[in-house]
């Protein structure tokens, strides 16, 4: 059985809508930040959850994106990577580190793409290596073909930034 979310690297979780909508599960795992990668109402569900459960100190962001190969993922990657990096760099009172859940509906393509983009940017590794790291922890993680092509372009940009 697949878990609703999996820790890919310390503090960075990849998951689905079930993880994102379960306050006790999030609390048990110390999640403080949620990045929703979906168009429309999925993000509203999380915002509603946040406003009705004051025990959860979320910082929630949503990036509007459908799971379609021709969606402009590349235009959104910097925004998502910045949110993840900023959250993982924060401390949440009493020396506790912040933890981030990146999710979409199934935790398979959209959210996987953002986690891969973060790993490529942060660790200066290839998309292929990042995908292996992610799939080691979450077997069903698999960006759609259009997202994968755009991730390869992201990798090239990250390499150029490093070289300059």
C-alpha atoms as a PDB file:
ATOM      1  CA  UNK A   1       0.000   0.000   0.000  1.00  0.00           C
ATOM      2  CA  UNK A   2       1.236   3.472  -0.830  1.00  0.00           C
ATOM      3  CA  UNK A   3       1.732   5.996   1.934  1.00  0.00           C
ATOM      4  CA  UNK A   4      -0.066   9.340   1.528  1.00  0.00           C
ATOM      5  CA  UNK A   5       3.345  11.030   1.744  1.00  0.00           C
ATOM      6  CA  UNK A   6       6.995  10.039   1.804  1.00  0.00           C
ATOM      7  CA  UNK A   7      10.043  11.884   3.116  1.00  0.00           C
ATOM      8  CA  UNK A   8      12.368  12.317   0.140  1.00  0.00           C
ATOM      9  CA  UNK A   9      15.164  14.131   1.974  1.00  0.00           C
ATOM     10  CA  UNK A  10      15.095  15.314   5.589  1.00  0.00           C
ATOM     11  CA  UNK A  11      12.209  17.747   5.958  1.00  0.00           C
ATOM     12  CA  UNK A  12      10.880  17.449   2.388  1.00  0.00           C
ATOM     13  CA  UNK A  13       7.806  15.301   1.850  1.00  0.00           C
ATOM     14  CA  UNK A  14       6.089  14.339  -1.389  1.00  0.00           C
ATOM     15  CA  UNK A  15       2.465  13.315  -1.161  1.00  0.00           C
ATOM     16  CA  UNK A  16      -1.130  13.359  -2.248  1.00  0.00           C
ATOM     17  CA  UNK A  17      -4.330  15.171  -1.319  1.00  0.00           C
ATOM     18  CA  UNK A  18      -5.097  12.680   1.469  1.00  0.00           C
ATOM     19  CA  UNK A  19      -1.918  13.634   3.319  1.00  0.00           C
ATOM     20  CA  UNK A  20      -2.568  17.334   2.788  1.00  0.00           C
ATOM     21  CA  UNK A  21      -6.105  17.132   4.178  1.00  0.00           C
ATOM     22  CA  UNK A  22      -5.247  15.141   7.316  1.00  0.00           C
ATOM     23  CA  UNK A  23      -4.295  17.528  10.152  1.00  0.00           C
ATOM     24  CA  UNK A  24      -3.277  14.864  12.664  1.00  0.00           C
ATOM     25  CA  UNK A  25      -1.107  13.106  10.079  1.00  0.00           C
ATOM     26  CA  UNK A  26       0.579  16.402   9.184  1.00  0.00           C
ATOM     27  CA  UNK A  27       1.068  17.235  12.867  1.00  0.00           C
ATOM     28  CA  UNK A  28       2.552  13.799  13.565  1.00  0.00           C
ATOM     29  CA  UNK A  29       5.151  14.407  10.848  1.00  0.00           C
ATOM     30  CA  UNK A  30       5.902  18.004  11.866  1.00  0.00           C
ATOM     31  CA  UNK A  31       4.770  19.544   8.571  1.00  0.00           C
ATOM     32  CA  UNK A  32       4.728  23.354   8.759  1.00  0.00           C
ATOM     33  CA  UNK A  33       4.535  24.311   5.074  1.00  0.00           C
ATOM     34  CA  UNK A  34       2.351  22.966   2.271  1.00  0.00           C
ATOM     35  CA  UNK A  35       2.885  23.544  -1.430  1.00  0.00           C
ATOM     36  CA  UNK A  36      -0.180  22.558  -3.460  1.00  0.00           C
ATOM     37  CA  UNK A  37       0.395  21.978  -7.170  1.00  0.00           C
ATOM     38  CA  UNK A  38      -3.092  21.937  -8.645  1.00  0.00           C
ATOM     39  CA  UNK A  39      -5.553  24.144 -10.397  1.00  0.00           C
ATOM     40  CA  UNK A  40      -8.642  25.311  -8.554  1.00  0.00           C
ATOM     41  CA  UNK A  41     -10.305  23.808  -5.532  1.00  0.00           C
ATOM     42  CA  UNK A  42      -7.582  21.529  -4.130  1.00  0.00           C
ATOM     43  CA  UNK A  43      -5.833  24.549  -2.657  1.00  0.00           C
ATOM     44  CA  UNK A  44      -9.092  25.896  -1.282  1.00  0.00           C
ATOM     45  CA  UNK A  45      -9.587  22.638   0.598  1.00  0.00           C
ATOM     46  CA  UNK A  46      -6.214  23.088   2.285  1.00  0.00           C
ATOM     47  CA  UNK A  47      -6.877  26.753   3.088  1.00  0.00           C
ATOM     48  CA  UNK A  48     -10.195  25.773   4.678  1.00  0.00           C
ATOM     49  CA  UNK A  49      -8.476  23.092   6.725  1.00  0.00           C
ATOM     50  CA  UNK A  50      -5.872  25.606   7.860  1.00  0.00           C
ATOM     51  CA  UNK A  51      -8.459  28.156   8.988  1.00  0.00           C
ATOM     52  CA  UNK A  52     -10.510  25.605  10.951  1.00  0.00           C
ATOM     53  CA  UNK A  53      -7.615  23.947  12.776  1.00  0.00           C
ATOM     54  CA  UNK A  54      -5.622  26.562  14.669  1.00  0.00           C
ATOM     55  CA  UNK A  55      -3.163  23.959  15.975  1.00  0.00           C
ATOM     56  CA  UNK A  56      -1.504  23.708  12.561  1.00  0.00           C
ATOM     57  CA  UNK A  57       0.963  26.507  11.882  1.00  0.00           C
ATOM     58  CA  UNK A  58       0.936  26.114   8.076  1.00  0.00           C
ATOM     59  CA  UNK A  59       2.329  28.377   5.503  1.00  0.00           C
ATOM     60  CA  UNK A  60       0.328  27.284   2.459  1.00  0.00           C
ATOM     61  CA  UNK A  61       1.004  28.185  -1.180  1.00  0.00           C
ATOM     62  CA  UNK A  62      -0.674  27.017  -4.329  1.00  0.00           C
ATOM     63  CA  UNK A  63       0.698  26.881  -7.846  1.00  0.00           C
ATOM     64  CA  UNK A  64      -2.046  26.573 -10.450  1.00  0.00           C
ATOM     65  CA  UNK A  65      -1.109  23.753 -12.799  1.00  0.00           C
ATOM     66  CA  UNK A  66      -2.904  20.863 -14.493  1.00  0.00           C
ATOM     67  CA  UNK A  67      -1.242  17.500 -15.056  1.00  0.00           C
ATOM     68  CA  UNK A  68      -0.983  17.954 -18.814  1.00  0.00           C
ATOM     69  CA  UNK A  69       2.229  17.629 -20.848  1.00  0.00           C
ATOM     70  CA  UNK A  70       1.740  21.031 -22.494  1.00  0.00           C
ATOM     71  CA  UNK A  71       1.310  22.957 -19.221  1.00  0.00           C
ATOM     72  CA  UNK A  72       4.005  25.592 -18.645  1.00  0.00           C
ATOM     73  CA  UNK A  73       5.732  23.939 -15.695  1.00  0.00           C
ATOM     74  CA  UNK A  74       9.024  25.699 -16.372  1.00  0.00           C
ATOM     75  CA  UNK A  75       7.430  29.107 -15.744  1.00  0.00           C
ATOM     76  CA  UNK A  76       6.453  28.012 -12.215  1.00  0.00           C
ATOM     77  CA  UNK A  77       9.506  26.079 -11.045  1.00  0.00           C
ATOM     78  CA  UNK A  78      11.462  29.010  -9.632  1.00  0.00           C
ATOM     79  CA  UNK A  79       8.482  30.068  -7.509  1.00  0.00           C
ATOM     80  CA  UNK A  80       8.005  26.554  -6.115  1.00  0.00           C
ATOM     81  CA  UNK A  81      11.705  25.887  -5.544  1.00  0.00           C
ATOM     82  CA  UNK A  82      12.040  29.219  -3.750  1.00  0.00           C
ATOM     83  CA  UNK A  83       9.124  28.367  -1.424  1.00  0.00           C
ATOM     84  CA  UNK A  84      10.604  24.953  -0.607  1.00  0.00           C
ATOM     85  CA  UNK A  85      14.101  26.322  -0.017  1.00  0.00           C
ATOM     86  CA  UNK A  86      12.867  29.195   2.128  1.00  0.00           C
ATOM     87  CA  UNK A  87      10.788  26.833   4.270  1.00  0.00           C
ATOM     88  CA  UNK A  88      13.583  24.308   4.743  1.00  0.00           C
ATOM     89  CA  UNK A  89      15.911  27.147   5.780  1.00  0.00           C
ATOM     90  CA  UNK A  90      13.561  28.389   8.528  1.00  0.00           C
ATOM     91  CA  UNK A  91      13.379  27.355  12.134  1.00  0.00           C
ATOM     92  CA  UNK A  92      10.010  26.953  13.768  1.00  0.00           C
ATOM     93  CA  UNK A  93      10.431  28.063  17.383  1.00  0.00           C
ATOM     94  CA  UNK A  94      12.357  26.144  20.026  1.00  0.00           C
ATOM     95  CA  UNK A  95      14.939  25.050  17.464  1.00  0.00           C
ATOM     96  CA  UNK A  96      12.510  22.885  15.487  1.00  0.00           C
ATOM     97  CA  UNK A  97      13.111  22.797  11.769  1.00  0.00           C
ATOM     98  CA  UNK A  98      10.303  23.447   9.325  1.00  0.00           C
ATOM     99  CA  UNK A  99       9.081  20.627   7.132  1.00  0.00           C
ATOM    100  CA  UNK A 100       7.424  20.908   3.739  1.00  0.00           C
ATOM    101  CA  UNK A 101       4.788  18.777   2.046  1.00  0.00           C
ATOM    102  CA  UNK A 102       4.669  19.196  -1.725  1.00  0.00           C
ATOM    103  CA  UNK A 103       1.505  17.591  -3.052  1.00  0.00           C
ATOM    104  CA  UNK A 104      -0.898  17.339  -5.946  1.00  0.00           C
ATOM    105  CA  UNK A 105      -3.885  15.037  -6.283  1.00  0.00           C
ATOM    106  CA  UNK A 106      -2.013  11.718  -6.437  1.00  0.00           C
ATOM    107  CA  UNK A 107       1.542  12.728  -5.534  1.00  0.00           C
ATOM    108  CA  UNK A 108       2.711  11.345  -8.838  1.00  0.00           C
ATOM    109  CA  UNK A 109       3.507  13.899 -11.563  1.00  0.00           C
ATOM    110  CA  UNK A 110       3.025  17.581 -10.685  1.00  0.00           C
ATOM    111  CA  UNK A 111       4.368  17.516  -7.134  1.00  0.00           C
ATOM    112  CA  UNK A 112       7.113  15.079  -8.144  1.00  0.00           C
ATOM    113  CA  UNK A 113       8.260  17.570 -10.769  1.00  0.00           C
ATOM    114  CA  UNK A 114       8.698  20.314  -8.165  1.00  0.00           C
ATOM    115  CA  UNK A 115      10.598  18.039  -5.785  1.00  0.00           C
ATOM    116  CA  UNK A 116      12.882  16.974  -8.644  1.00  0.00           C
ATOM    117  CA  UNK A 117      13.411  20.623  -9.623  1.00  0.00           C
ATOM    118  CA  UNK A 118      14.374  21.447  -6.031  1.00  0.00           C
ATOM    119  CA  UNK A 119      16.874  18.573  -5.840  1.00  0.00           C
ATOM    120  CA  UNK A 120      18.419  19.542  -9.196  1.00  0.00           C
ATOM    121  CA  UNK A 121      18.746  23.183  -8.122  1.00  0.00           C
ATOM    122  CA  UNK A 122      19.938  22.561  -4.571  1.00  0.00           C
ATOM    123  CA  UNK A 123      22.303  19.642  -5.154  1.00  0.00           C
ATOM    124  CA  UNK A 124      23.338  20.392  -8.760  1.00  0.00           C
ATOM    125  CA  UNK A 125      22.446  16.883  -9.872  1.00  0.00           C
ATOM    126  CA  UNK A 126      20.807  15.657 -13.059  1.00  0.00           C
ATOM    127  CA  UNK A 127      17.081  15.190 -13.493  1.00  0.00           C
ATOM    128  CA  UNK A 128      17.710  11.453 -13.881  1.00  0.00           C
ATOM    129  CA  UNK A 129      19.587  11.287 -10.577  1.00  0.00           C
ATOM    130  CA  UNK A 130      16.918  13.353  -8.818  1.00  0.00           C
ATOM    131  CA  UNK A 131      14.170  11.094 -10.175  1.00  0.00           C
ATOM    132  CA  UNK A 132      16.031   8.032  -8.854  1.00  0.00           C
ATOM    133  CA  UNK A 133      16.256   9.627  -5.394  1.00  0.00           C
ATOM    134  CA  UNK A 134      12.542  10.421  -5.428  1.00  0.00           C
ATOM    135  CA  UNK A 135      11.464   7.008  -6.736  1.00  0.00           C
ATOM    136  CA  UNK A 136      13.562   5.280  -4.086  1.00  0.00           C
ATOM    137  CA  UNK A 137      11.206   6.807  -1.507  1.00  0.00           C
ATOM    138  CA  UNK A 138       7.990   7.069  -3.570  1.00  0.00           C
ATOM    139  CA  UNK A 139       7.726   4.326  -6.177  1.00  0.00           C
ATOM    140  CA  UNK A 140       4.811   5.822  -8.107  1.00  0.00           C
ATOM    141  CA  UNK A 141       6.534   9.194  -8.623  1.00  0.00           C
ATOM    142  CA  UNK A 142       6.667   9.843 -12.357  1.00  0.00           C
ATOM    143  CA  UNK A 143       6.460  13.238 -14.089  1.00  0.00           C
ATOM    144  CA  UNK A 144       4.476  13.267 -17.327  1.00  0.00           C
ATOM    145  CA  UNK A 145       6.483  13.449 -20.566  1.00  0.00           C
ATOM    146  CA  UNK A 146       6.042  17.199 -21.053  1.00  0.00           C
ATOM    147  CA  UNK A 147       7.086  17.956 -17.474  1.00  0.00           C
ATOM    148  CA  UNK A 148      10.134  15.721 -17.856  1.00  0.00           C
ATOM    149  CA  UNK A 149      11.246  17.639 -20.961  1.00  0.00           C
ATOM    150  CA  UNK A 150      10.823  20.925 -19.098  1.00  0.00           C
ATOM    151  CA  UNK A 151      12.774  19.563 -16.134  1.00  0.00           C
ATOM    152  CA  UNK A 152      15.662  18.821 -18.494  1.00  0.00           C
ATOM    153  CA  UNK A 153      15.562  22.474 -19.566  1.00  0.00           C
ATOM    154  CA  UNK A 154      15.516  23.471 -15.872  1.00  0.00           C
ATOM    155  CA  UNK A 155      18.608  21.312 -15.330  1.00  0.00           C
ATOM    156  CA  UNK A 156      20.382  23.176 -18.153  1.00  0.00           C
ATOM    157  CA  UNK A 157      19.441  26.536 -16.613  1.00  0.00           C
ATOM    158  CA  UNK A 158      20.674  25.449 -13.187  1.00  0.00           C
ATOM    159  CA  UNK A 159      23.961  24.286 -14.692  1.00  0.00           C
ATOM    160  CA  UNK A 160      24.406  27.637 -16.479  1.00  0.00           C
ATOM    161  CA  UNK A 161      23.687  29.521 -13.230  1.00  0.00           C
ATOM    162  CA  UNK A 162      26.296  27.419 -11.435  1.00  0.00           C
ATOM    163  CA  UNK A 163      28.885  27.996 -14.165  1.00  0.00           C
ATOM    164  CA  UNK A 164      28.403  31.773 -14.230  1.00  0.00           C
END
